[in-house]
Protein backbone atom coordinates (compact mmCIF):
# COMPACT_ATOMS: atom_id res chain seq x y z
CA UNK A 1 0.00 0.00 0.00
CA UNK A 2 1.21 3.51 -0.80
CA UNK A 3 -0.93 5.96 1.15
CA UNK A 4 -0.79 9.59 0.09
CA UNK A 5 -0.26 12.31 2.68
CA UNK A 6 -3.08 14.84 2.91
CA UNK A 7 -2.27 16.80 6.06
CA UNK A 8 -1.55 20.50 6.11
CA UNK A 9 0.74 22.57 8.30
CA UNK A 10 -1.00 25.83 9.23
CA UNK A 11 0.86 28.80 10.73
CA UNK A 12 -0.80 30.36 13.77
CA UNK A 13 0.26 33.07 16.22
CA UNK A 14 1.21 30.25 18.64
CA UNK A 15 3.32 28.34 16.08
CA UNK A 16 2.01 25.66 13.75
CA UNK A 17 -1.00 23.36 13.75
CA UNK A 18 -1.37 20.07 11.90
CA UNK A 19 -4.73 19.75 10.12
CA UNK A 20 -5.99 16.51 8.55
CA UNK A 21 -9.42 15.58 7.21
CA UNK A 22 -11.24 12.39 6.43
CA UNK A 23 -14.74 11.93 5.02
CA UNK A 24 -17.21 9.17 5.78
CA UNK A 25 -20.47 8.25 4.14
CA UNK A 26 -22.15 7.95 7.54
CA UNK A 27 -24.26 9.99 9.94
CA UNK A 28 -22.32 12.42 12.13
CA UNK A 29 -23.48 10.63 15.31
CA UNK A 30 -21.94 7.38 14.06
CA UNK A 31 -18.57 8.99 13.29
CA UNK A 32 -18.71 10.78 16.66
CA UNK A 33 -18.95 7.40 18.38
CA UNK A 34 -15.81 6.27 16.51
CA UNK A 35 -13.78 9.08 18.06
CA UNK A 36 -15.34 9.22 21.54
CA UNK A 37 -16.59 5.80 22.67
CA UNK A 38 -13.84 3.63 24.16
CA UNK A 39 -14.96 0.43 22.43
CA UNK A 40 -15.04 2.07 18.98
CA UNK A 41 -11.83 4.00 19.64
CA UNK A 42 -10.06 0.74 20.51
CA UNK A 43 -10.40 -0.47 16.92
CA UNK A 44 -8.07 2.23 15.60
CA UNK A 45 -6.39 4.19 18.39
CA UNK A 46 -6.70 2.95 21.97
CA UNK A 47 -9.03 2.71 24.95
CA UNK A 48 -9.87 5.18 27.64
CA UNK A 49 -11.16 4.71 31.15
CA UNK A 50 -12.50 7.06 33.78
CA UNK A 51 -15.35 9.47 34.29
CA UNK A 52 -15.53 11.39 31.01
CA UNK A 53 -16.87 14.91 30.61
CA UNK A 54 -15.69 18.49 30.10
CA UNK A 55 -13.15 19.46 32.74
CA UNK A 56 -12.52 15.83 33.71
CA UNK A 57 -9.55 13.53 33.19
CA UNK A 58 -9.54 10.06 31.65
CA UNK A 59 -6.70 7.61 31.18
CA UNK A 60 -5.85 6.63 27.60
CA UNK A 61 -4.02 3.44 26.71
CA UNK A 62 -2.71 3.49 23.15
CA UNK A 63 -3.58 0.27 21.37
CA UNK A 64 -1.03 0.23 18.55
CA UNK A 65 2.09 1.65 20.21
CA UNK A 66 4.19 -1.14 21.67
CA UNK A 67 4.79 -0.72 25.40
CA UNK A 68 3.25 2.77 25.49
CA UNK A 69 2.51 3.88 29.04
CA UNK A 70 -0.98 5.26 29.76
CA UNK A 71 -1.59 8.95 29.11
CA UNK A 72 -3.63 11.38 31.14
CA UNK A 73 -6.19 13.22 29.03
CA UNK A 74 -8.06 16.34 30.09
CA UNK A 75 -11.32 16.75 28.21
CA UNK A 76 -11.47 20.49 27.54
CA UNK A 77 -14.53 20.56 25.28
CA UNK A 78 -17.10 17.90 24.45
CA UNK A 79 -20.01 19.17 22.37
CA UNK A 80 -21.55 16.07 20.81
CA UNK A 81 -21.54 15.37 17.93
CA UNK A 82 -19.47 18.30 16.64
CA UNK A 83 -16.46 19.21 18.77
CA UNK A 84 -14.04 17.36 21.04
CA UNK A 85 -10.92 19.09 22.38
CA UNK A 86 -8.46 17.35 24.68
CA UNK A 87 -5.10 18.02 26.31
CA UNK A 88 -3.04 14.86 26.56
CA UNK A 89 0.18 14.35 28.51
CA UNK A 90 2.49 11.39 28.09
CA UNK A 91 6.18 10.53 28.19
CA UNK A 92 6.68 12.32 24.85
CA UNK A 93 5.20 15.64 25.94
CA UNK A 94 1.90 17.45 25.71
CA UNK A 95 -0.62 17.22 22.90
CA UNK A 96 -3.55 19.58 22.24
CA UNK A 97 -5.93 17.71 19.96
CA UNK A 98 -9.30 18.55 18.44
CA UNK A 99 -11.86 16.62 16.43
CA UNK A 100 -14.35 18.81 14.56
CA UNK A 101 -17.19 17.03 12.77
CA UNK A 102 -19.68 18.38 10.25
CA UNK A 103 -22.26 16.71 8.04
CA UNK A 104 -23.44 17.68 4.56
CA UNK A 105 -26.00 15.32 3.09
CA UNK A 106 -24.89 11.77 3.82
CA UNK A 107 -21.20 12.67 4.22
CA UNK A 108 -19.56 13.47 7.55
CA UNK A 109 -16.23 15.28 7.54
CA UNK A 110 -13.82 14.80 10.42
CA UNK A 111 -11.33 17.63 10.71
CA UNK A 112 -8.53 16.63 13.08
CA UNK A 113 -6.21 19.33 14.46
CA UNK A 114 -3.13 19.09 16.62
CA UNK A 115 -2.49 22.56 18.02
CA UNK A 116 0.88 24.22 18.63
CA UNK A 117 3.16 21.51 17.26
CA UNK A 118 6.87 22.18 17.70
CA UNK A 119 8.34 22.77 14.22
CA UNK A 120 11.04 20.16 14.86
CA UNK A 121 8.30 17.56 15.48
CA UNK A 122 6.08 18.24 12.46
CA UNK A 123 7.84 15.84 10.06
CA UNK A 124 7.47 12.91 12.47
CA UNK A 125 4.09 13.70 14.03
CA UNK A 126 2.27 14.40 10.74
CA UNK A 127 2.83 10.89 9.31
CA UNK A 128 1.65 9.42 12.60
CA UNK A 129 -1.69 11.19 12.39
CA UNK A 130 -2.09 10.19 8.73
CA UNK A 131 -1.59 6.60 9.89
CA UNK A 132 -4.07 6.82 12.75
CA UNK A 133 -6.76 8.49 10.67
CA UNK A 134 -6.31 5.86 7.96
CA UNK A 135 -6.63 3.28 10.76
CA UNK A 136 -9.99 4.89 11.58
CA UNK A 137 -11.08 4.69 7.93
CA UNK A 138 -10.04 1.02 7.71
CA UNK A 139 -11.62 0.08 11.05
CA UNK A 140 -14.94 1.67 10.08
CA UNK A 141 -14.87 -0.11 6.70
CA UNK A 142 -13.91 -3.48 8.19
CA UNK A 143 -10.77 -3.43 6.02
CA UNK A 144 -7.22 -4.50 6.84
CA UNK A 145 -5.43 -2.01 9.04
CA UNK A 146 -2.55 -0.09 7.45
CA UNK A 147 1.12 -0.62 8.25
CA UNK A 148 2.95 2.28 9.90
CA UNK A 149 6.00 1.50 7.74
CA UNK A 150 4.05 2.86 4.75
CA UNK A 151 3.74 6.24 6.48
CA UNK A 152 7.03 6.92 8.18
CA UNK A 153 9.56 7.94 6.97
CA UNK A 154 7.87 8.14 3.53
CA UNK A 155 5.68 11.12 4.49
CA UNK A 156 8.25 13.16 6.41
CA UNK A 157 9.08 15.45 3.50
CA UNK A 158 5.41 16.24 2.79
CA UNK A 159 5.11 17.82 6.24
CA UNK A 160 8.62 19.30 6.50
CA UNK A 161 8.18 21.11 3.17
CA UNK A 162 5.16 22.97 4.57
CA UNK A 163 6.97 24.50 7.53
CA UNK A 164 7.31 28.28 7.44
CA UNK A 165 10.88 29.58 7.15
CA UNK A 166 12.70 29.81 10.50
CA UNK A 167 12.89 33.35 11.86
Foldseek 3Di string as FASTA:
>chain_A
DADDADWAWDQDPLGTKIKDKDKDLADLQVVQCCPPPQVNVLQQFFGWDDDDDAQDWIWTDGNPDPPFDIKIKHFNDDDPPAKTWIWIQGPVGIWTKMWGWDDDDRMIMTMIMTPNDDLVCQLPVSLVVVQRVQSSVCSVVVHDRDDSVSRPPVRSCVRNVNHDDDD
